C-alpha atoms as a PDB file:
ATOM      1  CA  MET A   1      -5.815  41.458  46.466  1.00  0.00           C
ATOM      2  CA  LYS A   2      -3.830  44.616  45.881  1.00  0.00           C
ATOM      3  CA  MET A   3      -2.586  46.597  48.843  1.00  0.00           C
ATOM      4  CA  PHE A   4      -2.748  50.400  48.594  1.00  0.00           C
ATOM      5  CA  ARG A   5      -1.164  52.782  51.039  1.00  0.00           C
ATOM      6  CA  ILE A   6      -4.082  55.156  50.735  1.00  0.00           C
ATOM      7  CA  ARG A   7      -7.255  54.317  52.662  1.00  0.00           C
ATOM      8  CA  LYS A   8     -10.755  55.627  53.070  1.00  0.00           C
ATOM      9  CA  ASP A   9     -10.902  58.967  55.069  1.00  0.00           C
ATOM     10  CA  ASP A  10      -7.279  59.842  54.277  1.00  0.00           C
ATOM     11  CA  LYS A  11      -6.509  63.407  53.265  1.00  0.00           C
ATOM     12  CA  VAL A  12      -4.881  63.423  49.851  1.00  0.00           C
ATOM     13  CA  ILE A  13      -3.566  65.980  47.326  1.00  0.00           C
ATOM     14  CA  ILE A  14      -4.015  65.551  43.539  1.00  0.00           C
ATOM     15  CA  VAL A  15      -0.598  65.502  41.846  1.00  0.00           C
ATOM     16  CA  ALA A  16      -1.670  65.094  38.206  1.00  0.00           C
ATOM     17  CA  GLY A  17      -4.627  65.854  35.922  1.00  0.00           C
ATOM     18  CA  LYS A  18      -7.126  68.684  35.620  1.00  0.00           C
ATOM     19  CA  ASP A  19      -7.543  69.063  39.396  1.00  0.00           C
ATOM     20  CA  LYS A  20      -3.824  69.190  40.233  1.00  0.00           C
ATOM     21  CA  GLY A  21      -3.168  70.806  43.609  1.00  0.00           C
ATOM     22  CA  LYS A  22      -6.619  70.265  45.053  1.00  0.00           C
ATOM     23  CA  VAL A  23      -6.875  68.614  48.498  1.00  0.00           C
ATOM     24  CA  GLY A  24      -9.731  66.342  49.523  1.00  0.00           C
ATOM     25  CA  LYS A  25     -10.808  63.373  51.610  1.00  0.00           C
ATOM     26  CA  VAL A  26     -10.928  59.859  50.147  1.00  0.00           C
ATOM     27  CA  LEU A  27     -14.541  58.675  50.073  1.00  0.00           C
ATOM     28  CA  LYS A  28     -13.958  55.211  48.560  1.00  0.00           C
ATOM     29  CA  VAL A  29     -11.124  53.058  47.307  1.00  0.00           C
ATOM     30  CA  LEU A  30     -11.967  50.944  44.220  1.00  0.00           C
ATOM     31  CA  ARG A  31      -9.343  48.179  44.409  1.00  0.00           C
ATOM     32  CA  LYS A  32     -10.327  46.288  41.252  1.00  0.00           C
ATOM     33  CA  LYS A  33      -9.884  49.355  39.078  1.00  0.00           C
ATOM     34  CA  ASP A  34      -6.948  51.018  40.954  1.00  0.00           C
ATOM     35  CA  ARG A  35      -8.965  54.149  41.529  1.00  0.00           C
ATOM     36  CA  VAL A  36     -10.099  56.319  44.405  1.00  0.00           C
ATOM     37  CA  LEU A  37     -13.095  58.623  44.888  1.00  0.00           C
ATOM     38  CA  VAL A  38     -12.045  62.000  46.352  1.00  0.00           C
ATOM     39  CA  GLU A  39     -14.631  64.462  47.550  1.00  0.00           C
ATOM     40  CA  LYS A  40     -15.066  67.622  45.406  1.00  0.00           C
ATOM     41  CA  VAL A  41     -12.431  66.417  42.867  1.00  0.00           C
ATOM     42  CA  ASN A  42     -12.972  65.328  39.240  1.00  0.00           C
ATOM     43  CA  MET A  43     -16.544  66.693  39.230  1.00  0.00           C
ATOM     44  CA  VAL A  44     -18.690  65.862  36.193  1.00  0.00           C
ATOM     45  CA  LYS A  45     -22.292  66.607  35.192  1.00  0.00           C
ATOM     46  CA  ARG A  46     -24.643  63.729  34.540  1.00  0.00           C
ATOM     47  CA  HIS A  47     -28.130  64.024  33.025  1.00  0.00           C
ATOM     48  CA  THR A  48     -30.456  61.763  34.998  1.00  0.00           C
ATOM     49  CA  LYS A  49     -34.029  60.650  34.606  1.00  0.00           C
ATOM     50  CA  PRO A  50     -36.382  60.992  37.525  1.00  0.00           C
ATOM     51  CA  ASN A  51     -36.818  57.830  39.613  1.00  0.00           C
ATOM     52  CA  PRO A  52     -40.114  57.932  41.555  1.00  0.00           C
ATOM     53  CA  TYR A  53     -39.297  54.727  43.463  1.00  0.00           C
ATOM     54  CA  GLN A  54     -36.238  56.230  45.067  1.00  0.00           C
ATOM     55  CA  GLN A  55     -37.702  59.808  45.219  1.00  0.00           C
ATOM     56  CA  GLN A  56     -34.968  61.157  42.947  1.00  0.00           C
ATOM     57  CA  PRO A  57     -35.774  64.159  40.811  1.00  0.00           C
ATOM     58  CA  GLY A  58     -34.459  64.336  37.246  1.00  0.00           C
ATOM     59  CA  GLY A  59     -32.133  66.958  35.874  1.00  0.00           C
ATOM     60  CA  ILE A  60     -28.431  67.697  35.735  1.00  0.00           C
ATOM     61  CA  VAL A  61     -26.545  66.197  38.691  1.00  0.00           C
ATOM     62  CA  GLU A  62     -22.973  67.119  39.502  1.00  0.00           C
ATOM     63  CA  LYS A  63     -21.001  64.313  41.115  1.00  0.00           C
ATOM     64  CA  GLU A  64     -17.458  63.050  41.709  1.00  0.00           C
ATOM     65  CA  MET A  65     -15.865  60.471  39.454  1.00  0.00           C
ATOM     66  CA  PRO A  66     -12.951  58.163  40.456  1.00  0.00           C
ATOM     67  CA  ILE A  67      -9.402  59.064  39.578  1.00  0.00           C
ATOM     68  CA  HIS A  68      -6.398  56.765  39.310  1.00  0.00           C
ATOM     69  CA  ILE A  69      -4.626  56.092  42.609  1.00  0.00           C
ATOM     70  CA  SER A  70      -1.250  57.075  41.077  1.00  0.00           C
ATOM     71  CA  ASN A  71      -2.514  60.641  40.711  1.00  0.00           C
ATOM     72  CA  VAL A  72      -3.038  61.170  44.412  1.00  0.00           C
ATOM     73  CA  MET A  73      -0.561  61.562  47.241  1.00  0.00           C
ATOM     74  CA  PHE A  74      -1.113  61.261  50.985  1.00  0.00           C
ATOM     75  CA  MET A  75      -1.248  64.522  52.968  1.00  0.00           C
ATOM     76  CA  CYS A  76       0.224  64.273  56.407  1.00  0.00           C
ATOM     77  CA  SER A  77      -1.832  65.974  59.132  1.00  0.00           C
ATOM     78  CA  ALA A  78       1.178  66.562  61.375  1.00  0.00           C
ATOM     79  CA  CYS A  79       3.551  68.310  58.902  1.00  0.00           C
ATOM     80  CA  ALA A  80       0.806  69.387  56.431  1.00  0.00           C
ATOM     81  CA  LYS A  81       2.922  68.237  53.452  1.00  0.00           C
ATOM     82  CA  PRO A  82       2.390  65.569  50.786  1.00  0.00           C
ATOM     83  CA  SER A  83       4.482  62.563  51.644  1.00  0.00           C
ATOM     84  CA  ARG A  84       4.793  58.806  51.163  1.00  0.00           C
ATOM     85  CA  VAL A  85       3.455  56.281  53.631  1.00  0.00           C
ATOM     86  CA  GLY A  86       5.628  53.639  55.315  1.00  0.00           C
ATOM     87  CA  TYR A  87       4.860  50.709  57.575  1.00  0.00           C
ATOM     88  CA  ARG A  88       6.464  49.581  60.782  1.00  0.00           C
ATOM     89  CA  TYR A  89       5.560  47.310  63.648  1.00  0.00           C
ATOM     90  CA  SER A  90       4.895  48.523  67.176  1.00  0.00           C
ATOM     91  CA  ASP A  91       6.168  46.821  70.349  1.00  0.00           C
ATOM     92  CA  ASP A  92       3.022  44.715  70.646  1.00  0.00           C
ATOM     93  CA  GLY A  93       3.324  43.509  67.029  1.00  0.00           C
ATOM     94  CA  LYS A  94       0.692  45.782  65.419  1.00  0.00           C
ATOM     95  CA  LYS A  95       1.392  47.158  61.922  1.00  0.00           C
ATOM     96  CA  ILE A  96       1.363  50.990  61.920  1.00  0.00           C
ATOM     97  CA  ARG A  97       1.406  53.463  59.087  1.00  0.00           C
ATOM     98  CA  PHE A  98       3.763  56.472  59.363  1.00  0.00           C
ATOM     99  CA  CYS A  99       4.667  59.563  57.409  1.00  0.00           C
ATOM    100  CA  LYS A 100       8.092  59.247  55.733  1.00  0.00           C
ATOM    101  CA  LYS A 101       8.700  63.022  55.918  1.00  0.00           C
ATOM    102  CA  CYS A 102       8.111  63.776  59.593  1.00  0.00           C
ATOM    103  CA  ASN A 103       8.196  60.184  60.911  1.00  0.00           C
ATOM    104  CA  GLU A 104       4.861  60.633  62.727  1.00  0.00           C
ATOM    105  CA  ASN A 105       2.325  57.810  63.145  1.00  0.00           C
ATOM    106  CA  ILE A 106      -0.845  57.994  61.054  1.00  0.00           C
ATOM    107  CA  ALA A 107      -4.047  57.359  62.989  1.00  0.00           C
END
């Protein structure tokens, strides 16, 4: 399985594409397709039929679509800048992610 440095609930900035510069939270990581779902980014309109079994009305629904993981970059909450993510081990042997710009641990 592929290992990505971006996880669910991380704050990311879009570095390429039509939504370049937008900041959002990762809702889902799709590992098989190398994509992430970021809230309020890559919004599209879908025409849907009503589904009475799930109590869904029909009409035009606006929703997020996944974007490639290479087009997003982690935003550090400590230094408020986009940066890369590194890994190191703590004294008790746990693997910890850290910001490579400000050297702060990522919760």
